[in-house]
Amino acid sequence: MGEEGISGGHPNENDLHRYVLGHLSPTQVEVLEGHVFQCPAGKDRLATIIMLVTQIDRVAAARGGADRRKEPRFRTSETDFCGRLRP
């Protein structure tokens, strides 16, 4: 888990975020769930993080990639492009 992890008590925020995003190993999931599902404070913190991640996903979906570039930043197909980066 994180630097402090859940061995000394509650999981840290990073571990909860990684759990919500599915970025923990099966062993880490088992340890985290073993604590969080028995701890009212842990359940509340996890619910808050799930709500925030859901809201971020909704905002990103509503934007529809509006902040993405229409053209590449650099045209890498030009032969002198690499020469300008590495003279």
PDB file of N, CA and C in Angstrom:
ATOM      1  N   MET A   1       0.838  -1.169   0.000  1.00  0.00           N
ATOM      2  CA  MET A   1       0.000   0.000   0.000  1.00  0.00           C
ATOM      3  C   MET A   1       0.885   1.235   0.000  1.00  0.00           C
ATOM      4  N   GLY A   2       0.351   2.327   0.414  1.00  0.00           N
ATOM      5  CA  GLY A   2       1.123   3.558   0.448  1.00  0.00           C
ATOM      6  C   GLY A   2       2.228   3.464   1.469  1.00  0.00           C
ATOM      7  N   GLU A   3       2.959   4.577   1.653  1.00  0.00           N
ATOM      8  CA  GLU A   3       4.068   4.559   2.596  1.00  0.00           C
ATOM      9  C   GLU A   3       3.605   4.119   3.985  1.00  0.00           C
ATOM     10  N   GLU A   4       2.505   4.689   4.465  1.00  0.00           N
ATOM     11  CA  GLU A   4       1.990   4.274   5.762  1.00  0.00           C
ATOM     12  C   GLU A   4       1.059   3.083   5.605  1.00  0.00           C
ATOM     13  N   GLY A   5       0.400   2.995   4.452  1.00  0.00           N
ATOM     14  CA  GLY A   5      -0.485   1.876   4.183  1.00  0.00           C
ATOM     15  C   GLY A   5      -1.575   1.754   5.218  1.00  0.00           C
ATOM     16  N   ILE A   6      -2.146   0.582   5.310  1.00  0.00           N
ATOM     17  CA  ILE A   6      -3.230   0.390   6.268  1.00  0.00           C
ATOM     18  C   ILE A   6      -2.803  -0.474   7.443  1.00  0.00           C
ATOM     19  N   SER A   7      -1.533  -0.846   7.465  1.00  0.00           N
ATOM     20  CA  SER A   7      -1.085  -1.716   8.550  1.00  0.00           C
ATOM     21  C   SER A   7      -1.214  -1.038   9.915  1.00  0.00           C
ATOM     22  N   GLY A   8      -1.088   0.288   9.961  1.00  0.00           N
ATOM     23  CA  GLY A   8      -1.175   0.991  11.225  1.00  0.00           C
ATOM     24  C   GLY A   8      -2.541   1.580  11.486  1.00  0.00           C
ATOM     25  N   GLY A   9      -3.513   1.281  10.666  1.00  0.00           N
ATOM     26  CA  GLY A   9      -4.845   1.846  10.859  1.00  0.00           C
ATOM     27  C   GLY A   9      -5.564   2.027   9.548  1.00  0.00           C
ATOM     28  N   HIS A  10      -6.044   3.217   9.355  1.00  0.00           N
ATOM     29  CA  HIS A  10      -6.837   3.510   8.162  1.00  0.00           C
ATOM     30  C   HIS A  10      -5.971   3.594   6.908  1.00  0.00           C
ATOM     31  N   PRO A  11      -6.523   3.194   5.739  1.00  0.00           N
ATOM     32  CA  PRO A  11      -5.780   3.370   4.487  1.00  0.00           C
ATOM     33  C   PRO A  11      -5.630   4.865   4.191  1.00  0.00           C
ATOM     34  N   ASN A  12      -4.538   5.231   3.532  1.00  0.00           N
ATOM     35  CA  ASN A  12      -4.353   6.637   3.197  1.00  0.00           C
ATOM     36  C   ASN A  12      -5.157   6.993   1.936  1.00  0.00           C
ATOM     37  N   GLU A  13      -5.255   8.283   1.660  1.00  0.00           N
ATOM     38  CA  GLU A  13      -6.059   8.759   0.531  1.00  0.00           C
ATOM     39  C   GLU A  13      -5.577   8.176  -0.796  1.00  0.00           C
ATOM     40  N   ASN A  14      -4.267   8.076  -0.974  1.00  0.00           N
ATOM     41  CA  ASN A  14      -3.720   7.534  -2.212  1.00  0.00           C
ATOM     42  C   ASN A  14      -4.175   6.098  -2.424  1.00  0.00           C
ATOM     43  N   ASP A  15      -4.155   5.301  -1.376  1.00  0.00           N
ATOM     44  CA  ASP A  15      -4.598   3.909  -1.488  1.00  0.00           C
ATOM     45  C   ASP A  15      -6.074   3.823  -1.848  1.00  0.00           C
ATOM     46  N   LEU A  16      -6.883   4.696  -1.250  1.00  0.00           N
ATOM     47  CA  LEU A  16      -8.317   4.700  -1.570  1.00  0.00           C
ATOM     48  C   LEU A  16      -8.550   5.104  -3.026  1.00  0.00           C
ATOM     49  N   HIS A  17      -7.818   6.101  -3.494  1.00  0.00           N
ATOM     50  CA  HIS A  17      -7.944   6.505  -4.899  1.00  0.00           C
ATOM     51  C   HIS A  17      -7.528   5.363  -5.825  1.00  0.00           C
ATOM     52  N   ARG A  18      -6.414   4.735  -5.508  1.00  0.00           N
ATOM     53  CA  ARG A  18      -5.940   3.613  -6.328  1.00  0.00           C
ATOM     54  C   ARG A  18      -6.944   2.471  -6.317  1.00  0.00           C
ATOM     55  N   TYR A  19      -7.590   2.243  -5.190  1.00  0.00           N
ATOM     56  CA  TYR A  19      -8.619   1.203  -5.086  1.00  0.00           C
ATOM     57  C   TYR A  19      -9.794   1.524  -6.017  1.00  0.00           C
ATOM     58  N   VAL A  20     -10.287   2.757  -5.954  1.00  0.00           N
ATOM     59  CA  VAL A  20     -11.427   3.163  -6.785  1.00  0.00           C
ATOM     60  C   VAL A  20     -11.091   3.037  -8.267  1.00  0.00           C
ATOM     61  N   LEU A  21      -9.855   3.352  -8.630  1.00  0.00           N
ATOM     62  CA  LEU A  21      -9.441   3.288 -10.032  1.00  0.00           C
ATOM     63  C   LEU A  21      -9.029   1.884 -10.463  1.00  0.00           C
ATOM     64  N   GLY A  22      -9.016   0.937  -9.533  1.00  0.00           N
ATOM     65  CA  GLY A  22      -8.654  -0.438  -9.870  1.00  0.00           C
ATOM     66  C   GLY A  22      -7.171  -0.655 -10.037  1.00  0.00           C
ATOM     67  N   HIS A  23      -6.356   0.133  -9.330  1.00  0.00           N
ATOM     68  CA  HIS A  23      -4.907   0.061  -9.479  1.00  0.00           C
ATOM     69  C   HIS A  23      -4.194  -0.635  -8.325  1.00  0.00           C
ATOM     70  N   LEU A  24      -4.917  -1.419  -7.550  1.00  0.00           N
ATOM     71  CA  LEU A  24      -4.294  -2.182  -6.470  1.00  0.00           C
ATOM     72  C   LEU A  24      -4.212  -3.650  -6.852  1.00  0.00           C
ATOM     73  N   SER A  25      -3.253  -4.327  -6.281  1.00  0.00           N
ATOM     74  CA  SER A  25      -3.129  -5.767  -6.506  1.00  0.00           C
ATOM     75  C   SER A  25      -4.255  -6.479  -5.759  1.00  0.00           C
ATOM     76  N   PRO A  26      -4.548  -7.726  -6.133  1.00  0.00           N
ATOM     77  CA  PRO A  26      -5.589  -8.474  -5.411  1.00  0.00           C
ATOM     78  C   PRO A  26      -5.326  -8.552  -3.903  1.00  0.00           C
ATOM     79  N   THR A  27      -4.078  -8.713  -3.512  1.00  0.00           N
ATOM     80  CA  THR A  27      -3.745  -8.770  -2.091  1.00  0.00           C
ATOM     81  C   THR A  27      -4.026  -7.435  -1.414  1.00  0.00           C
ATOM     82  N   GLN A  28      -3.644  -6.342  -2.068  1.00  0.00           N
ATOM     83  CA  GLN A  28      -3.907  -5.019  -1.512  1.00  0.00           C
ATOM     84  C   GLN A  28      -5.409  -4.754  -1.401  1.00  0.00           C
ATOM     85  N   VAL A  29      -6.170  -5.199  -2.404  1.00  0.00           N
ATOM     86  CA  VAL A  29      -7.627  -5.033  -2.372  1.00  0.00           C
ATOM     87  C   VAL A  29      -8.203  -5.774  -1.171  1.00  0.00           C
ATOM     88  N   GLU A  30      -7.745  -6.991  -0.957  1.00  0.00           N
ATOM     89  CA  GLU A  30      -8.252  -7.799   0.157  1.00  0.00           C
ATOM     90  C   GLU A  30      -7.983  -7.126   1.505  1.00  0.00           C
ATOM     91  N   VAL A  31      -6.773  -6.600   1.677  1.00  0.00           N
ATOM     92  CA  VAL A  31      -6.415  -5.935   2.932  1.00  0.00           C
ATOM     93  C   VAL A  31      -7.235  -4.662   3.102  1.00  0.00           C
ATOM     94  N   LEU A  32      -7.328  -3.857   2.054  1.00  0.00           N
ATOM     95  CA  LEU A  32      -8.074  -2.601   2.135  1.00  0.00           C
ATOM     96  C   LEU A  32      -9.547  -2.857   2.420  1.00  0.00           C
ATOM     97  N   GLU A  33     -10.148  -3.775   1.681  1.00  0.00           N
ATOM     98  CA  GLU A  33     -11.567  -4.078   1.900  1.00  0.00           C
ATOM     99  C   GLU A  33     -11.808  -4.648   3.297  1.00  0.00           C
ATOM    100  N   GLY A  34     -10.880  -5.456   3.779  1.00  0.00           N
ATOM    101  CA  GLY A  34     -11.017  -6.024   5.107  1.00  0.00           C
ATOM    102  C   GLY A  34     -11.135  -4.957   6.184  1.00  0.00           C
ATOM    103  N   HIS A  35     -10.454  -3.844   5.963  1.00  0.00           N
ATOM    104  CA  HIS A  35     -10.534  -2.746   6.928  1.00  0.00           C
ATOM    105  C   HIS A  35     -11.726  -1.833   6.639  1.00  0.00           C
ATOM    106  N   VAL A  36     -11.799  -1.363   5.411  1.00  0.00           N
ATOM    107  CA  VAL A  36     -12.789  -0.334   5.061  1.00  0.00           C
ATOM    108  C   VAL A  36     -14.215  -0.810   5.287  1.00  0.00           C
ATOM    109  N   PHE A  37     -14.520  -2.041   4.948  1.00  0.00           N
ATOM    110  CA  PHE A  37     -15.897  -2.509   5.070  1.00  0.00           C
ATOM    111  C   PHE A  37     -16.316  -2.769   6.516  1.00  0.00           C
ATOM    112  N   GLN A  38     -15.363  -2.718   7.433  1.00  0.00           N
ATOM    113  CA  GLN A  38     -15.669  -2.880   8.858  1.00  0.00           C
ATOM    114  C   GLN A  38     -15.580  -1.553   9.615  1.00  0.00           C
ATOM    115  N   CYS A  39     -15.180  -0.490   8.933  1.00  0.00           N
ATOM    116  CA  CYS A  39     -14.884   0.787   9.582  1.00  0.00           C
ATOM    117  C   CYS A  39     -15.820   1.876   9.056  1.00  0.00           C
ATOM    118  N   PRO A  40     -16.686   2.435   9.888  1.00  0.00           N
ATOM    119  CA  PRO A  40     -17.599   3.489   9.434  1.00  0.00           C
ATOM    120  C   PRO A  40     -16.867   4.699   8.833  1.00  0.00           C
ATOM    121  N   ALA A  41     -15.765   5.116   9.448  1.00  0.00           N
ATOM    122  CA  ALA A  41     -15.001   6.252   8.918  1.00  0.00           C
ATOM    123  C   ALA A  41     -14.397   5.893   7.557  1.00  0.00           C
ATOM    124  N   GLY A  42     -13.907   4.664   7.429  1.00  0.00           N
ATOM    125  CA  GLY A  42     -13.349   4.212   6.159  1.00  0.00           C
ATOM    126  C   GLY A  42     -14.396   4.170   5.064  1.00  0.00           C
ATOM    127  N   LYS A  43     -15.582   3.696   5.404  1.00  0.00           N
ATOM    128  CA  LYS A  43     -16.683   3.669   4.436  1.00  0.00           C
ATOM    129  C   LYS A  43     -17.031   5.073   3.970  1.00  0.00           C
ATOM    130  N   ASP A  44     -17.067   6.023   4.908  1.00  0.00           N
ATOM    131  CA  ASP A  44     -17.384   7.410   4.553  1.00  0.00           C
ATOM    132  C   ASP A  44     -16.319   8.007   3.637  1.00  0.00           C
ATOM    133  N   ARG A  45     -15.055   7.774   3.969  1.00  0.00           N
ATOM    134  CA  ARG A  45     -13.957   8.299   3.141  1.00  0.00           C
ATOM    135  C   ARG A  45     -13.994   7.679   1.748  1.00  0.00           C
ATOM    136  N   LEU A  46     -14.241   6.382   1.677  1.00  0.00           N
ATOM    137  CA  LEU A  46     -14.314   5.714   0.385  1.00  0.00           C
ATOM    138  C   LEU A  46     -15.496   6.247  -0.426  1.00  0.00           C
ATOM    139  N   ALA A  47     -16.641   6.442   0.208  1.00  0.00           N
ATOM    140  CA  ALA A  47     -17.818   6.981  -0.483  1.00  0.00           C
ATOM    141  C   ALA A  47     -17.533   8.365  -1.040  1.00  0.00           C
ATOM    142  N   THR A  48     -16.823   9.191  -0.281  1.00  0.00           N
ATOM    143  CA  THR A  48     -16.472  10.539  -0.739  1.00  0.00           C
ATOM    144  C   THR A  48     -15.568  10.479  -1.962  1.00  0.00           C
ATOM    145  N   ILE A  49     -14.578   9.601  -1.924  1.00  0.00           N
ATOM    146  CA  ILE A  49     -13.657   9.478  -3.057  1.00  0.00           C
ATOM    147  C   ILE A  49     -14.387   8.948  -4.286  1.00  0.00           C
ATOM    148  N   ILE A  50     -15.271   7.992  -4.105  1.00  0.00           N
ATOM    149  CA  ILE A  50     -16.052   7.472  -5.241  1.00  0.00           C
ATOM    150  C   ILE A  50     -16.879   8.599  -5.845  1.00  0.00           C
ATOM    151  N   MET A  51     -17.491   9.434  -5.009  1.00  0.00           N
ATOM    152  CA  MET A  51     -18.296  10.549  -5.498  1.00  0.00           C
ATOM    153  C   MET A  51     -17.429  11.536  -6.294  1.00  0.00           C
ATOM    154  N   LEU A  52     -16.246  11.856  -5.773  1.00  0.00           N
ATOM    155  CA  LEU A  52     -15.367  12.789  -6.470  1.00  0.00           C
ATOM    156  C   LEU A  52     -14.897  12.241  -7.807  1.00  0.00           C
ATOM    157  N   VAL A  53     -14.503  10.979  -7.834  1.00  0.00           N
ATOM    158  CA  VAL A  53     -14.041  10.366  -9.079  1.00  0.00           C
ATOM    159  C   VAL A  53     -15.180  10.338 -10.105  1.00  0.00           C
ATOM    160  N   THR A  54     -16.396  10.038  -9.647  1.00  0.00           N
ATOM    161  CA  THR A  54     -17.561  10.022 -10.535  1.00  0.00           C
ATOM    162  C   THR A  54     -17.824  11.404 -11.103  1.00  0.00           C
ATOM    163  N   GLN A  55     -17.733  12.433 -10.267  1.00  0.00           N
ATOM    164  CA  GLN A  55     -17.944  13.798 -10.744  1.00  0.00           C
ATOM    165  C   GLN A  55     -16.884  14.201 -11.754  1.00  0.00           C
ATOM    166  N   ILE A  56     -15.643  13.844 -11.508  1.00  0.00           N
ATOM    167  CA  ILE A  56     -14.566  14.162 -12.446  1.00  0.00           C
ATOM    168  C   ILE A  56     -14.818  13.470 -13.780  1.00  0.00           C
ATOM    169  N   ASP A  57     -15.232  12.217 -13.739  1.00  0.00           N
ATOM    170  CA  ASP A  57     -15.543  11.487 -14.974  1.00  0.00           C
ATOM    171  C   ASP A  57     -16.679  12.152 -15.740  1.00  0.00           C
ATOM    172  N   ARG A  58     -17.695  12.613 -15.037  1.00  0.00           N
ATOM    173  CA  ARG A  58     -18.832  13.279 -15.688  1.00  0.00           C
ATOM    174  C   ARG A  58     -18.400  14.572 -16.355  1.00  0.00           C
ATOM    175  N   VAL A  59     -17.581  15.359 -15.672  1.00  0.00           N
ATOM    176  CA  VAL A  59     -17.101  16.613 -16.242  1.00  0.00           C
ATOM    177  C   VAL A  59     -16.261  16.332 -17.479  1.00  0.00           C
ATOM    178  N   ALA A  60     -15.386  15.357 -17.385  1.00  0.00           N
ATOM    179  CA  ALA A  60     -14.538  15.008 -18.534  1.00  0.00           C
ATOM    180  C   ALA A  60     -15.386  14.543 -19.717  1.00  0.00           C
ATOM    181  N   ALA A  61     -16.413  13.749 -19.448  1.00  0.00           N
ATOM    182  CA  ALA A  61     -17.285  13.267 -20.524  1.00  0.00           C
ATOM    183  C   ALA A  61     -18.081  14.417 -21.132  1.00  0.00           C
ATOM    184  N   ALA A  62     -18.530  15.356 -20.294  1.00  0.00           N
ATOM    185  CA  ALA A  62     -19.306  16.493 -20.793  1.00  0.00           C
ATOM    186  C   ALA A  62     -18.457  17.403 -21.672  1.00  0.00           C
ATOM    187  N   ARG A  63     -17.181  17.499 -21.343  1.00  0.00           N
ATOM    188  CA  ARG A  63     -16.286  18.331 -22.149  1.00  0.00           C
ATOM    189  C   ARG A  63     -16.023  17.683 -23.499  1.00  0.00           C
ATOM    190  N   GLY A  64     -16.149  16.388 -23.573  1.00  0.00           N
ATOM    191  CA  GLY A  64     -15.981  15.673 -24.830  1.00  0.00           C
ATOM    192  C   GLY A  64     -14.630  15.868 -25.476  1.00  0.00           C
ATOM    193  N   GLY A  65     -13.624  16.066 -24.681  1.00  0.00           N
ATOM    194  CA  GLY A  65     -12.287  16.251 -25.246  1.00  0.00           C
ATOM    195  C   GLY A  65     -12.094  17.617 -25.865  1.00  0.00           C
ATOM    196  N   ALA A  66     -12.891  18.605 -25.449  1.00  0.00           N
ATOM    197  CA  ALA A  66     -12.824  19.946 -26.028  1.00  0.00           C
ATOM    198  C   ALA A  66     -11.461  20.589 -25.852  1.00  0.00           C
ATOM    199  N   ASP A  67     -10.712  20.163 -24.849  1.00  0.00           N
ATOM    200  CA  ASP A  67      -9.409  20.763 -24.612  1.00  0.00           C
ATOM    201  C   ASP A  67      -8.287  20.041 -25.364  1.00  0.00           C
ATOM    202  N   ARG A  68      -8.633  19.089 -26.166  1.00  0.00           N
ATOM    203  CA  ARG A  68      -7.616  18.357 -26.929  1.00  0.00           C
ATOM    204  C   ARG A  68      -7.243  19.135 -28.180  1.00  0.00           C
ATOM    205  N   ARG A  69      -6.004  19.015 -28.581  1.00  0.00           N
ATOM    206  CA  ARG A  69      -5.512  19.708 -29.771  1.00  0.00           C
ATOM    207  C   ARG A  69      -6.118  19.098 -31.024  1.00  0.00           C
ATOM    208  N   LYS A  70      -6.396  19.947 -31.986  1.00  0.00           N
ATOM    209  CA  LYS A  70      -6.901  19.481 -33.273  1.00  0.00           C
ATOM    210  C   LYS A  70      -5.758  19.000 -34.154  1.00  0.00           C
ATOM    211  N   GLU A  71      -4.568  19.587 -33.940  1.00  0.00           N
ATOM    212  CA  GLU A  71      -3.384  19.210 -34.702  1.00  0.00           C
ATOM    213  C   GLU A  71      -2.274  18.822 -33.730  1.00  0.00           C
ATOM    214  N   PRO A  72      -1.353  17.993 -34.180  1.00  0.00           N
ATOM    215  CA  PRO A  72      -0.249  17.628 -33.281  1.00  0.00           C
ATOM    216  C   PRO A  72       0.591  18.856 -32.933  1.00  0.00           C
ATOM    217  N   ARG A  73       1.197  18.834 -31.783  1.00  0.00           N
ATOM    218  CA  ARG A  73       2.038  19.951 -31.353  1.00  0.00           C
ATOM    219  C   ARG A  73       3.242  20.116 -32.269  1.00  0.00           C
ATOM    220  N   PHE A  74       3.838  19.003 -32.654  1.00  0.00           N
ATOM    221  CA  PHE A  74       4.984  19.007 -33.556  1.00  0.00           C
ATOM    222  C   PHE A  74       4.688  18.097 -34.726  1.00  0.00           C
ATOM    223  N   ARG A  75       5.197  18.463 -35.876  1.00  0.00           N
ATOM    224  CA  ARG A  75       5.078  17.572 -37.032  1.00  0.00           C
ATOM    225  C   ARG A  75       6.358  16.755 -37.119  1.00  0.00           C
ATOM    226  N   THR A  76       6.276  15.553 -36.677  1.00  0.00           N
ATOM    227  CA  THR A  76       7.476  14.713 -36.623  1.00  0.00           C
ATOM    228  C   THR A  76       7.853  14.127 -37.971  1.00  0.00           C
ATOM    229  N   SER A  77       7.013  14.313 -38.968  1.00  0.00           N
ATOM    230  CA  SER A  77       7.328  13.767 -40.280  1.00  0.00           C
ATOM    231  C   SER A  77       8.301  14.661 -41.051  1.00  0.00           C
ATOM    232  N   GLU A  78       8.508  15.881 -40.611  1.00  0.00           N
ATOM    233  CA  GLU A  78       9.442  16.769 -41.294  1.00  0.00           C
ATOM    234  C   GLU A  78      10.869  16.338 -40.975  1.00  0.00           C
ATOM    235  N   THR A  79      11.719  16.281 -41.997  1.00  0.00           N
ATOM    236  CA  THR A  79      13.072  15.771 -41.805  1.00  0.00           C
ATOM    237  C   THR A  79      13.941  16.682 -40.948  1.00  0.00           C
ATOM    238  N   ASP A  80      13.705  17.976 -40.974  1.00  0.00           N
ATOM    239  CA  ASP A  80      14.552  18.865 -40.189  1.00  0.00           C
ATOM    240  C   ASP A  80      14.049  19.020 -38.749  1.00  0.00           C
ATOM    241  N   PHE A  81      12.936  18.427 -38.410  1.00  0.00           N
ATOM    242  CA  PHE A  81      12.380  18.513 -37.051  1.00  0.00           C
ATOM    243  C   PHE A  81      13.367  17.967 -36.027  1.00  0.00           C
ATOM    244  N   CYS A  82      13.887  16.783 -36.269  1.00  0.00           N
ATOM    245  CA  CYS A  82      14.808  16.173 -35.323  1.00  0.00           C
ATOM    246  C   CYS A  82      16.113  16.966 -35.217  1.00  0.00           C
ATOM    247  N   GLY A  83      16.538  17.547 -36.323  1.00  0.00           N
ATOM    248  CA  GLY A  83      17.745  18.364 -36.306  1.00  0.00           C
ATOM    249  C   GLY A  83      17.580  19.600 -35.447  1.00  0.00           C
ATOM    250  N   ARG A  84      16.378  20.156 -35.419  1.00  0.00           N
ATOM    251  CA  ARG A  84      16.139  21.320 -34.572  1.00  0.00           C
ATOM    252  C   ARG A  84      16.119  20.940 -33.097  1.00  0.00           C
ATOM    253  N   LEU A  85      15.643  19.753 -32.782  1.00  0.00           N
ATOM    254  CA  LEU A  85      15.645  19.320 -31.390  1.00  0.00           C
ATOM    255  C   LEU A  85      17.035  18.904 -30.915  1.00  0.00           C
ATOM    256  N   ARG A  86      17.799  18.333 -31.827  1.00  0.00           N
ATOM    257  CA  ARG A  86      19.142  17.868 -31.499  1.00  0.00           C
ATOM    258  C   ARG A  86      20.105  18.384 -32.552  1.00  0.00           C
ATOM    259  N   PRO A  87      20.576  19.639 -32.387  1.00  0.00           N
ATOM    260  CA  PRO A  87      21.448  20.241 -33.416  1.00  0.00           C
ATOM    261  C   PRO A  87      22.780  19.545 -33.546  1.00  0.00           C
TER     262      PRO A  87
END
